Protein backbone atom coordinates (compact mmCIF):
# COMPACT_ATOMS: atom_id res chain seq x y z
CA UNK A 1 -0.04 -0.02 0.14
CA UNK A 2 1.24 3.29 -0.91
CA UNK A 3 1.14 6.60 1.70
CA UNK A 4 -1.48 9.25 0.78
CA UNK A 5 -0.04 12.27 -1.59
CA UNK A 6 -0.80 15.86 -0.47
CA UNK A 7 -4.14 16.12 -1.95
CA UNK A 8 -5.42 13.06 0.05
CA UNK A 9 -3.77 14.18 3.38
CA UNK A 10 -5.65 17.71 2.77
CA UNK A 11 -9.03 15.94 2.76
CA UNK A 12 -7.79 14.01 5.69
CA UNK A 13 -7.22 17.06 7.66
CA UNK A 14 -10.23 18.58 6.61
CA UNK A 15 -12.38 15.59 8.04
CA UNK A 16 -10.65 14.69 11.07
CA UNK A 17 -10.14 18.32 12.22
CA UNK A 18 -13.42 20.02 11.19
CA UNK A 19 -14.45 23.71 10.56
CA UNK A 20 -17.72 24.47 12.82
CA UNK A 21 -19.11 25.07 8.82
CA UNK A 22 -17.93 26.04 5.20
CA UNK A 23 -19.27 28.00 2.34
CA UNK A 24 -18.56 28.92 -1.03
CA UNK A 25 -17.66 32.46 -2.12
CA UNK A 26 -16.76 32.29 -5.79
CA UNK A 27 -13.65 30.06 -6.27
CA UNK A 28 -12.96 29.71 -2.41
CA UNK A 29 -13.80 27.76 0.36
CA UNK A 30 -14.61 29.81 3.36
CA UNK A 31 -14.21 28.42 6.82
CA UNK A 32 -15.72 29.18 9.90
CA UNK A 33 -13.63 28.44 12.93
CA UNK A 34 -15.47 29.63 16.01
CA UNK A 35 -12.17 29.92 17.95
CA UNK A 36 -10.51 26.72 16.52
CA UNK A 37 -7.32 27.92 14.99
CA UNK A 38 -6.30 28.65 11.60
CA UNK A 39 -6.76 25.22 10.32
CA UNK A 40 -10.44 25.66 10.57
CA UNK A 41 -10.70 29.22 9.89
CA UNK A 42 -8.49 29.53 6.54
CA UNK A 43 -10.06 30.28 2.91
CA UNK A 44 -8.82 27.85 0.26
CA UNK A 45 -8.75 27.91 -3.39
CA UNK A 46 -11.37 25.74 -5.11
CA UNK A 47 -10.85 27.23 -8.49
CA UNK A 48 -9.40 29.76 -10.90
CA UNK A 49 -9.63 33.29 -9.39
CA UNK A 50 -9.50 37.09 -10.12
CA UNK A 51 -8.09 39.83 -7.64
CA UNK A 52 -12.04 40.94 -7.23
CA UNK A 53 -12.32 37.25 -6.05
CA UNK A 54 -9.99 37.51 -3.41
CA UNK A 55 -11.30 40.93 -2.29
CA UNK A 56 -15.10 38.98 -2.04
CA UNK A 57 -13.40 36.22 -0.14
CA UNK A 58 -11.78 38.75 2.40
CA UNK A 59 -15.18 40.43 3.03
CA UNK A 60 -16.76 36.74 3.74
CA UNK A 61 -14.02 35.96 6.44
CA UNK A 62 -14.25 39.36 7.92
CA UNK A 63 -18.43 38.99 8.51
CA UNK A 64 -17.54 35.79 10.21
CA UNK A 65 -15.23 37.91 12.65
CA UNK A 66 -12.25 36.95 11.46
CA UNK A 67 -9.07 38.17 9.84
CA UNK A 68 -8.46 37.61 6.47
CA UNK A 69 -6.58 34.06 6.26
CA UNK A 70 -5.66 31.67 3.10
CA UNK A 71 -4.12 28.12 3.32
CA UNK A 72 -1.88 27.73 0.55
CA UNK A 73 -1.31 24.47 -0.61
CA UNK A 74 1.11 22.60 -3.33
CA UNK A 75 0.03 24.17 -6.59
CA UNK A 76 -1.40 27.65 -5.11
CA UNK A 77 1.63 29.70 -6.54
CA UNK A 78 -0.54 31.85 -8.28
CA UNK A 79 -2.61 32.41 -5.14
CA UNK A 80 0.84 32.81 -3.00
CA UNK A 81 1.79 35.51 -5.30
CA UNK A 82 -1.31 37.46 -5.54
CA UNK A 83 -1.79 37.54 -1.31
CA UNK A 84 1.96 38.75 -1.22
CA UNK A 85 1.22 41.54 -3.57
CA UNK A 86 -1.77 42.28 -1.34
CA UNK A 87 0.32 42.53 1.86
CA UNK A 88 -0.33 39.21 3.22
CA UNK A 89 2.75 37.79 5.17
CA UNK A 90 3.67 33.97 5.55
CA UNK A 91 2.72 32.19 9.08
CA UNK A 92 3.56 28.68 9.94
CA UNK A 93 4.58 26.68 7.52
CA UNK A 94 3.47 23.01 8.12
CA UNK A 95 4.91 19.38 7.27
CA UNK A 96 2.34 16.78 6.60
CA UNK A 97 3.77 13.14 7.66
CA UNK A 98 2.61 9.48 7.13
CA UNK A 99 3.68 6.14 7.39
CA UNK A 100 1.66 2.44 7.15
CA UNK A 101 0.41 2.00 10.70
CA UNK A 102 2.06 -1.68 11.03
CA UNK A 103 5.53 0.06 10.67
CA UNK A 104 4.89 2.28 13.85
CA UNK A 105 2.73 -0.59 15.85
CA UNK A 106 6.02 -2.51 16.41
CA UNK A 107 6.19 -1.91 20.33
CA UNK A 108 3.12 -1.68 22.56
CA UNK A 109 3.25 0.80 25.01
CA UNK A 110 3.27 0.21 28.75
CA UNK A 111 -0.35 0.26 29.82
CA UNK A 112 -0.56 3.43 31.52
CA UNK A 113 1.79 5.16 28.96
CA UNK A 114 -1.09 5.70 26.52
CA UNK A 115 -4.48 4.75 27.21
CA UNK A 116 -7.42 5.39 25.04
CA UNK A 117 -10.14 7.50 26.41
CA UNK A 118 -13.33 9.80 24.70
CA UNK A 119 -15.02 11.91 25.54
CA UNK A 120 -12.14 13.86 26.94
CA UNK A 121 -11.03 13.00 30.97
CA UNK A 122 -10.64 15.89 32.82
CA UNK A 123 -6.98 15.46 32.92
CA UNK A 124 -6.85 15.57 29.50
CA UNK A 125 -8.70 18.77 29.17
CA UNK A 126 -6.33 20.36 31.89
CA UNK A 127 -3.06 19.18 29.76
CA UNK A 128 -4.39 20.73 26.65
CA UNK A 129 -5.44 23.75 28.40
CA UNK A 130 -1.78 24.15 29.98
CA UNK A 131 -0.51 23.91 26.49
CA UNK A 132 -2.85 26.41 24.64
CA UNK A 133 -5.40 23.99 23.14
CA UNK A 134 -8.74 25.29 24.85
CA UNK A 135 -12.34 24.66 24.62
CA UNK A 136 -12.84 25.76 21.20
CA UNK A 137 -10.34 23.09 19.94
CA UNK A 138 -11.69 20.58 21.88
CA UNK A 139 -15.14 21.69 20.49
CA UNK A 140 -13.23 20.82 16.83
CA UNK A 141 -12.54 17.40 18.20
CA UNK A 142 -16.19 16.96 19.32
CA UNK A 143 -17.32 17.65 15.90
CA UNK A 144 -15.15 15.20 13.99
CA UNK A 145 -16.88 12.06 12.87
CA UNK A 146 -16.35 8.48 14.15
CA UNK A 147 -13.96 6.41 14.25
CA UNK A 148 -11.92 8.87 16.87
CA UNK A 149 -10.36 8.88 20.36
CA UNK A 150 -8.08 10.58 22.76
CA UNK A 151 -5.32 9.14 24.43
CA UNK A 152 -4.03 10.10 28.24
CA UNK A 153 -0.40 9.24 29.34
CA UNK A 154 0.82 8.76 33.02
CA UNK A 155 4.58 8.13 33.53
CA UNK A 156 6.49 7.98 36.44
CA UNK A 157 2.85 7.79 38.12
CA UNK A 158 2.20 11.28 37.03
CA UNK A 159 0.14 13.03 34.27
CA UNK A 160 2.16 12.98 31.29
CA UNK A 161 0.73 13.85 27.85
CA UNK A 162 -2.76 13.93 25.99
CA UNK A 163 -3.51 13.73 22.19
CA UNK A 164 -6.48 13.23 19.73
CA UNK A 165 -6.69 10.72 17.05
CA UNK A 166 -9.81 10.56 14.35
CA UNK A 167 -9.87 8.23 11.08
CA UNK A 168 -11.03 9.11 7.75
CA UNK A 169 -11.23 6.66 4.95
CA UNK A 170 -8.42 4.50 6.62
CA UNK A 171 -6.24 7.06 7.37
CA UNK A 172 -5.79 8.12 11.01
CA UNK A 173 -4.58 11.78 11.86
CA UNK A 174 -3.22 12.59 15.22
CA UNK A 175 -3.92 16.11 16.42
CA UNK A 176 -3.19 17.94 19.71
CA UNK A 177 -0.02 16.31 20.99
CA UNK A 178 0.64 17.93 24.12
CA UNK A 179 3.36 16.68 26.68
CA UNK A 180 3.28 18.26 30.23
CA UNK A 181 6.75 20.09 30.31
CA UNK A 182 8.68 18.23 32.84
CA UNK A 183 7.83 15.10 31.12
CA UNK A 184 9.42 15.84 27.79
CA UNK A 185 12.58 13.79 26.52
CA UNK A 186 10.61 11.03 28.23
CA UNK A 187 9.39 9.09 25.39
CA UNK A 188 5.76 9.73 26.10
CA UNK A 189 5.49 11.51 22.52
CA UNK A 190 6.67 8.14 20.92
CA UNK A 191 4.29 6.15 23.09
CA UNK A 192 1.07 8.02 22.26
CA UNK A 193 2.09 7.70 18.82
CA UNK A 194 2.55 4.11 18.70
CA UNK A 195 -0.46 3.84 20.53
CA UNK A 196 -2.12 5.48 18.02
CA UNK A 197 -0.89 3.36 15.57
CA UNK A 198 -2.29 0.14 17.22
CA UNK A 199 -5.68 1.81 17.34
CA UNK A 200 -5.66 2.49 13.84
CA UNK A 201 -5.16 -1.12 13.33
CA UNK A 202 -7.79 -2.14 15.66
CA UNK A 203 -10.44 0.22 13.76
CA UNK A 204 -9.74 -1.01 10.08
CA UNK A 205 -7.50 1.64 9.40
CA UNK A 206 -3.75 1.42 7.23
CA UNK A 207 -1.94 4.58 7.57
CA UNK A 208 -1.19 7.09 10.53
CA UNK A 209 -0.55 10.52 9.89
CA UNK A 210 0.14 13.72 11.88
CA UNK A 211 0.96 17.41 10.94
CA UNK A 212 3.65 19.85 12.36
CA UNK A 213 4.92 23.42 11.98
CA UNK A 214 8.24 23.63 10.64
CA UNK A 215 9.67 25.76 13.70
CA UNK A 216 8.52 22.71 15.95
CA UNK A 217 11.99 20.72 16.02
CA UNK A 218 11.40 18.34 18.68
CA UNK A 219 8.22 16.85 16.79
CA UNK A 220 9.83 16.88 13.61
CA UNK A 221 12.64 14.70 14.96
CA UNK A 222 9.91 12.31 16.64
CA UNK A 223 8.05 11.88 13.65
CA UNK A 224 11.31 11.20 11.73
CA UNK A 225 12.59 9.00 14.04
CA UNK A 226 9.75 7.05 13.96
CA UNK A 227 9.97 6.16 10.23
CA UNK A 228 7.25 8.81 9.23
CA UNK A 229 7.82 10.28 6.01
CA UNK A 230 7.19 13.55 4.46
CA UNK A 231 4.01 13.67 2.21
CA UNK A 232 2.81 16.92 1.80
CA UNK A 233 3.24 20.63 3.16
CA UNK A 234 1.32 24.15 3.16
CA UNK A 235 1.34 27.32 4.59
CA UNK A 236 -0.84 30.05 5.51
CA UNK A 237 -1.09 33.79 4.30
CA UNK A 238 -2.29 36.37 6.52
CA UNK A 239 -3.16 40.48 6.55
CA UNK A 240 -1.75 40.91 9.91
CA UNK A 241 -2.82 44.60 9.96
CA UNK A 242 -6.13 43.98 9.22
């Protein structure tokens, strides 16, 4: 089985971390995020555009109370250039990783290192909140369709980390990986990813995926060390002075 390409990964991201609502504005898809972050608040191109189409998309985003923000996917070079000319700046370049789940599910984690739990336990919410993943992002998780789960980690008899995983078309994507600061560099993230791979296989899936900003060196190192492959990228353009 081959790994998903970038186009498939964009589909999986949208399905496993869904916006509160979407609408079409000419050649752009407008997402309503309701505070859930850039992934659920950015517009994306779905067709050929003119400058006036960008202006209309900006108005649609502002009508939702959102700053004009566009996700630039592979092949969106013309949009990238047009937005730069309009004063948009690049923010949060993202790397998309994937691997066959069976290649990650090679060592079952210790029982308490990654426990599946859904809906989110109070401790999971607390860990996420301390990492900046608040109620709005948890609402995104609640919107995702089954199969989905969260994972809570205890390490050295103390809370250690939390993550969320949802599946679309056989591909599980891990989101909201948050490790308690004093538990970092202890292998907690590795256990959470391996448990997600086992969960994927248990639920009839075949591929494990995750996304990460280029700036997150620790996370990028983890996913590379697990043998995950870069299968695509995207970045955002934001109108900072809006």
